[in-house]
Amino acid sequence: MGRRYRIGFIGCGNMGSAILKGILSAGLADADEVICSCHSSETKSRLEEMYKVAATRDNLEVAKNADLIFLAVKPNKLEEVAREIAQEIKADQILVSLVAGANLAKLQDMFMSLELAGKLQLVRTMPNTPAMVGEAMTAVCPNESISEKNLKYVIRLFESFGKAEVVPESLMDTVTGVSGSSPAYIYMLIEAMADEAVKQGMPRSQAYTFASQAVLGSAKMVLETGKHPGELKDAVTSPGGTTIAGLAVLEDLGFRSAIMNGIDAAIEKSKSL
């Protein structure tokens, strides 16, 4: 971007802290280039101690001093925060929203001032909870005012703690189903796999390790080989072997359709919010 931007966080709970950790670890900002506002003195002290960043209880201080601002507040606090800081937002600042359910039009209406007159640089995003271990999948949806250079910078920030891709806003509800909510489905899968291993006599802690590593390794195979999941599945499936026996039962029980229907339900719920 030509210069290092001062990065601000309004709200720095679990997700905000995960993003902050990724950015600092990747060297995309130094601690003295970050300012965070938080709702409690306990969070303020934790951020100062853990990350050595400037922390405040005053959202306006972040709005006045940051070049790029992450909005990481709860959805029910968004309008209150917007009213508080809207008049401090300038055209050369970048607003990056992590607020679930707030589309670009809603955000633009909240933060637009007469001075900005259509120049508000706004990015709607949706990371998921694996951000807390540096393996997020983030959807990035920019408005028309943000430059290509600034958008690339925002993507770099999100890639510091996982993967990030630009998607049209029409797919943000789909993102909710396929990556936002789906970690819960994967946890259920891991739990079920481990339960059966425990049933067969394996200690539970070991069962979780075997099941979790199998899921992790399988996902990595898809991402790193670029092969179709079906091709990778076939490579594990020997004629007359154990894998095909298990797959046949899963197909009979509607495993594939159950996953699709579950994701569909999450998408439809997201659309109704």
Protein backbone atom coordinates (compact mmCIF):
# COMPACT_ATOMS: atom_id res chain seq x y z
CA MET A 1 0.00 0.00 0.00
CA GLY A 2 3.01 2.26 -0.01
CA ARG A 3 2.93 2.76 3.76
CA ARG A 4 2.01 0.82 6.85
CA TYR A 5 -1.54 1.52 7.93
CA ARG A 6 -2.50 2.02 11.55
CA ILE A 7 -5.00 -0.73 12.32
CA GLY A 8 -7.90 -0.32 14.72
CA PHE A 9 -10.30 -2.77 16.30
CA ILE A 10 -13.68 -1.76 17.65
CA GLY A 11 -14.46 -4.85 19.67
CA CYS A 12 -11.71 -7.38 20.30
CA GLY A 13 -13.25 -10.57 21.65
CA ASN A 14 -12.38 -14.06 20.43
CA MET A 15 -12.58 -13.30 16.71
CA GLY A 16 -10.97 -9.87 16.97
CA SER A 17 -8.15 -11.30 19.08
CA ALA A 18 -7.59 -14.11 16.56
CA ILE A 19 -7.28 -11.56 13.75
CA LEU A 20 -5.00 -9.36 15.83
CA LYS A 21 -2.74 -12.32 16.63
CA GLY A 22 -2.52 -13.30 12.96
CA ILE A 23 -1.68 -9.79 11.79
CA LEU A 24 1.04 -9.31 14.41
CA SER A 25 2.51 -12.80 13.88
CA ALA A 26 2.72 -12.22 10.11
CA GLY A 27 4.47 -8.88 10.61
CA LEU A 28 1.74 -6.99 8.76
CA ALA A 29 1.64 -4.53 11.66
CA ASP A 30 3.73 -3.85 14.71
CA ALA A 31 2.12 -3.58 18.14
CA ASP A 32 2.60 0.20 18.14
CA GLU A 33 0.61 0.42 14.90
CA VAL A 34 -2.53 -1.11 16.46
CA ILE A 35 -5.22 0.43 18.64
CA CYS A 36 -8.16 -1.51 20.11
CA SER A 37 -11.31 -0.44 21.89
CA CYS A 38 -13.05 -2.89 24.19
CA HIS A 39 -16.09 -2.93 26.44
CA SER A 40 -14.40 -3.96 29.67
CA SER A 41 -11.31 -2.99 31.63
CA GLU A 42 -10.45 -6.70 31.90
CA THR A 43 -10.28 -7.07 28.11
CA LYS A 44 -8.31 -3.84 27.86
CA SER A 45 -5.72 -5.13 30.34
CA ARG A 46 -5.54 -8.51 28.60
CA LEU A 47 -4.86 -6.95 25.19
CA GLU A 48 -2.22 -4.61 26.58
CA GLU A 49 -0.46 -7.42 28.42
CA MET A 50 -0.74 -10.15 25.80
CA TYR A 51 -0.18 -8.18 22.60
CA LYS A 52 1.47 -4.94 23.84
CA VAL A 53 -0.98 -2.87 21.77
CA ALA A 54 -2.69 0.37 22.71
CA ALA A 55 -6.13 -0.35 24.16
CA THR A 56 -8.94 1.98 25.16
CA ARG A 57 -12.56 1.97 26.32
CA ASP A 58 -13.31 4.79 23.83
CA ASN A 59 -14.49 3.80 20.33
CA LEU A 60 -13.99 7.37 19.10
CA GLU A 61 -10.29 7.14 19.85
CA VAL A 62 -10.02 4.23 17.41
CA ALA A 63 -12.11 6.02 14.77
CA LYS A 64 -9.92 9.11 14.99
CA ASN A 65 -6.55 7.33 14.92
CA ALA A 66 -6.87 4.21 12.71
CA ASP A 67 -6.51 4.01 8.93
CA LEU A 68 -8.23 0.62 8.76
CA ILE A 69 -10.93 -0.26 11.28
CA PHE A 70 -12.20 -3.76 12.03
CA LEU A 71 -15.79 -3.66 13.28
CA ALA A 72 -15.91 -6.74 15.49
CA VAL A 73 -18.95 -5.95 17.63
CA LYS A 74 -22.07 -8.00 18.29
CA PRO A 75 -24.86 -7.42 15.76
CA ASN A 76 -27.09 -5.84 18.42
CA LYS A 77 -24.37 -3.25 19.15
CA LEU A 78 -23.69 -2.22 15.56
CA GLU A 79 -26.19 0.64 15.28
CA GLU A 80 -25.06 2.11 18.59
CA VAL A 81 -21.41 2.01 17.52
CA ALA A 82 -22.25 3.43 14.10
CA ARG A 83 -24.05 6.41 15.61
CA GLU A 84 -21.11 6.99 17.92
CA ILE A 85 -18.32 7.04 15.33
CA ALA A 86 -19.99 7.85 11.97
CA GLN A 87 -18.97 11.51 11.92
CA GLU A 88 -15.32 10.58 12.45
CA ILE A 89 -15.10 8.21 9.48
CA LYS A 90 -13.21 9.71 6.53
CA ALA A 91 -12.94 8.71 2.88
CA ASP A 92 -9.31 7.60 3.22
CA GLN A 93 -10.18 5.12 5.98
CA ILE A 94 -11.17 1.51 5.36
CA LEU A 95 -14.00 -0.09 7.32
CA VAL A 96 -13.88 -3.89 7.57
CA SER A 97 -17.03 -5.40 9.05
CA LEU A 98 -17.15 -8.78 10.78
CA VAL A 99 -20.76 -8.23 11.88
CA ALA A 100 -22.99 -11.15 10.94
CA GLY A 101 -26.14 -10.28 9.02
CA ALA A 102 -25.14 -6.70 8.18
CA ASN A 103 -25.02 -6.32 4.41
CA LEU A 104 -23.14 -3.63 2.52
CA ALA A 105 -26.24 -1.48 1.98
CA LYS A 106 -27.06 -1.50 5.68
CA LEU A 107 -23.49 -0.71 6.65
CA GLN A 108 -23.26 2.06 4.07
CA ASP A 109 -26.44 3.69 5.37
CA MET A 110 -25.18 3.54 8.94
CA PHE A 111 -21.77 5.05 8.30
CA MET A 112 -22.32 7.32 5.34
CA SER A 113 -21.95 11.03 6.01
CA LEU A 114 -22.50 13.97 3.68
CA GLU A 115 -18.75 14.47 3.48
CA LEU A 116 -18.17 10.94 2.20
CA ALA A 117 -20.78 11.23 -0.56
CA GLY A 118 -20.41 7.69 -1.88
CA LYS A 119 -16.67 7.36 -1.18
CA LEU A 120 -16.90 5.13 1.88
CA GLN A 121 -14.38 2.27 1.59
CA LEU A 122 -16.21 -0.70 3.02
CA VAL A 123 -15.52 -4.45 3.14
CA ARG A 124 -17.97 -6.98 4.50
CA THR A 125 -16.32 -10.19 5.71
CA MET A 126 -17.21 -13.49 7.28
CA PRO A 127 -14.39 -15.47 8.91
CA ASN A 128 -15.10 -18.64 10.86
CA THR A 129 -14.01 -19.80 14.31
CA PRO A 130 -10.92 -21.78 13.17
CA ALA A 131 -9.40 -18.29 12.98
CA MET A 132 -8.49 -18.94 16.61
CA VAL A 133 -5.96 -21.57 15.49
CA GLY A 134 -4.81 -19.75 12.36
CA GLU A 135 -6.97 -21.79 9.96
CA ALA A 136 -9.91 -19.52 9.15
CA MET A 137 -11.86 -19.48 5.92
CA THR A 138 -12.94 -15.90 5.27
CA ALA A 139 -15.32 -14.56 2.66
CA VAL A 140 -14.47 -11.01 1.58
CA CYS A 141 -17.04 -8.78 -0.09
CA PRO A 142 -15.95 -5.21 -0.98
CA ASN A 143 -18.09 -2.27 -2.02
CA GLU A 144 -17.36 -0.34 -5.21
CA SER A 145 -15.44 2.47 -3.53
CA ILE A 146 -12.46 0.48 -2.31
CA SER A 147 -9.40 0.44 -4.58
CA GLU A 148 -7.90 -2.79 -5.89
CA LYS A 149 -4.72 -2.07 -3.90
CA ASN A 150 -6.62 -1.59 -0.65
CA LEU A 151 -8.68 -4.72 -1.27
CA LYS A 152 -5.52 -6.77 -1.78
CA TYR A 153 -4.23 -5.39 1.52
CA VAL A 154 -7.40 -6.43 3.33
CA ILE A 155 -7.14 -9.92 1.85
CA ARG A 156 -3.51 -10.16 3.02
CA LEU A 157 -4.63 -9.31 6.54
CA PHE A 158 -7.18 -12.14 6.52
CA GLU A 159 -4.69 -14.56 4.95
CA SER A 160 -2.45 -14.01 7.97
CA PHE A 161 -4.70 -16.40 9.93
CA GLY A 162 -6.10 -18.71 7.25
CA LYS A 163 -7.46 -18.48 3.73
CA ALA A 164 -9.55 -15.67 2.23
CA GLU A 165 -11.41 -15.28 -1.04
CA VAL A 166 -13.56 -12.58 -2.58
CA VAL A 167 -17.20 -13.58 -3.10
CA PRO A 168 -20.20 -11.64 -4.40
CA GLU A 169 -22.59 -10.52 -1.69
CA SER A 170 -25.28 -12.80 -3.13
CA LEU A 171 -23.23 -15.77 -1.85
CA MET A 172 -22.71 -14.57 1.73
CA ASP A 173 -25.61 -16.69 3.01
CA THR A 174 -24.08 -19.69 1.26
CA VAL A 175 -20.78 -18.90 2.97
CA THR A 176 -22.65 -19.04 6.29
CA GLY A 177 -23.72 -22.61 5.57
CA VAL A 178 -20.59 -24.01 3.95
CA SER A 179 -17.93 -22.46 6.20
CA GLY A 180 -19.48 -20.26 8.89
CA SER A 181 -21.68 -22.89 10.57
CA SER A 182 -19.97 -26.03 9.30
CA PRO A 183 -17.23 -26.28 11.95
CA ALA A 184 -20.03 -27.42 14.29
CA TYR A 185 -20.91 -30.22 11.86
CA ILE A 186 -17.27 -31.30 11.67
CA TYR A 187 -17.05 -31.34 15.47
CA MET A 188 -20.11 -33.58 15.52
CA LEU A 189 -18.47 -35.87 12.95
CA ILE A 190 -15.26 -36.05 15.01
CA GLU A 191 -17.25 -36.75 18.15
CA ALA A 192 -19.18 -39.56 16.45
CA MET A 193 -16.00 -41.11 15.05
CA ALA A 194 -14.37 -40.98 18.47
CA ASP A 195 -17.45 -42.40 20.19
CA GLU A 196 -17.30 -45.48 18.00
CA ALA A 197 -13.58 -45.86 18.66
CA VAL A 198 -14.28 -45.65 22.40
CA LYS A 199 -17.02 -48.25 21.95
CA GLN A 200 -14.40 -50.52 20.43
CA GLY A 201 -12.03 -50.01 23.39
CA MET A 202 -9.83 -47.03 22.45
CA PRO A 203 -9.17 -44.43 25.21
CA ARG A 204 -11.18 -41.28 24.54
CA SER A 205 -8.26 -38.85 24.34
CA GLN A 206 -6.57 -41.11 21.82
CA ALA A 207 -9.82 -41.53 19.89
CA TYR A 208 -10.16 -37.75 19.51
CA THR A 209 -6.58 -37.53 18.25
CA PHE A 210 -7.08 -40.25 15.63
CA ALA A 211 -10.41 -38.85 14.45
CA SER A 212 -9.28 -35.21 14.40
CA GLN A 213 -6.03 -35.92 12.58
CA ALA A 214 -7.91 -37.98 9.98
CA VAL A 215 -10.20 -35.01 9.29
CA LEU A 216 -7.31 -32.54 9.24
CA GLY A 217 -5.20 -34.68 6.92
CA SER A 218 -8.09 -35.36 4.56
CA ALA A 219 -8.88 -31.64 4.23
CA LYS A 220 -5.21 -30.92 3.60
CA MET A 221 -5.14 -33.54 0.85
CA VAL A 222 -8.01 -31.80 -0.95
CA LEU A 223 -6.41 -28.36 -0.64
CA GLU A 224 -2.84 -29.31 -1.47
CA THR A 225 -3.32 -31.90 -4.23
CA GLY A 226 -6.08 -30.04 -6.05
CA LYS A 227 -7.70 -33.38 -6.77
CA HIS A 228 -11.47 -33.88 -6.76
CA PRO A 229 -12.66 -35.27 -3.39
CA GLY A 230 -14.24 -38.17 -5.25
CA GLU A 231 -10.88 -39.10 -6.77
CA LEU A 232 -9.24 -39.03 -3.34
CA LYS A 233 -12.09 -41.11 -1.92
CA ASP A 234 -11.64 -43.71 -4.68
CA ALA A 235 -7.90 -43.92 -3.92
CA VAL A 236 -8.73 -45.08 -0.38
CA THR A 237 -11.44 -47.48 -1.50
CA SER A 238 -10.06 -50.92 -2.38
CA PRO A 239 -12.32 -53.52 -4.02
CA GLY A 240 -14.03 -55.61 -1.37
CA GLY A 241 -12.26 -53.73 1.41
CA THR A 242 -13.15 -52.01 4.67
CA THR A 243 -13.64 -48.53 3.21
CA ILE A 244 -16.27 -49.52 0.65
CA ALA A 245 -18.12 -51.43 3.35
CA GLY A 246 -18.29 -48.28 5.46
CA LEU A 247 -19.21 -46.05 2.50
CA ALA A 248 -22.07 -48.37 1.53
CA VAL A 249 -23.62 -48.01 4.99
CA LEU A 250 -23.18 -44.22 4.98
CA GLU A 251 -24.89 -44.00 1.58
CA ASP A 252 -27.75 -46.20 2.78
CA LEU A 253 -28.23 -43.91 5.81
CA GLY A 254 -28.28 -40.77 3.67
CA PHE A 255 -24.98 -39.33 4.90
CA ARG A 256 -24.41 -37.19 1.81
CA SER A 257 -27.98 -35.83 1.70
CA ALA A 258 -27.98 -35.21 5.47
CA ILE A 259 -24.91 -32.96 5.09
CA MET A 260 -26.43 -31.11 2.15
CA ASN A 261 -29.77 -30.65 3.90
CA GLY A 262 -28.07 -29.41 7.06
CA ILE A 263 -26.08 -26.79 5.13
CA ASP A 264 -29.22 -25.81 3.23
CA ALA A 265 -31.06 -25.25 6.53
CA ALA A 266 -28.25 -22.99 7.75
CA ILE A 267 -28.33 -21.01 4.51
CA GLU A 268 -32.10 -20.53 4.66
CA LYS A 269 -31.89 -19.42 8.29
CA SER A 270 -29.19 -16.92 7.36
CA LYS A 271 -31.42 -15.50 4.62
CA SER A 272 -34.24 -14.97 7.11
CA LEU A 273 -32.16 -13.02 9.65
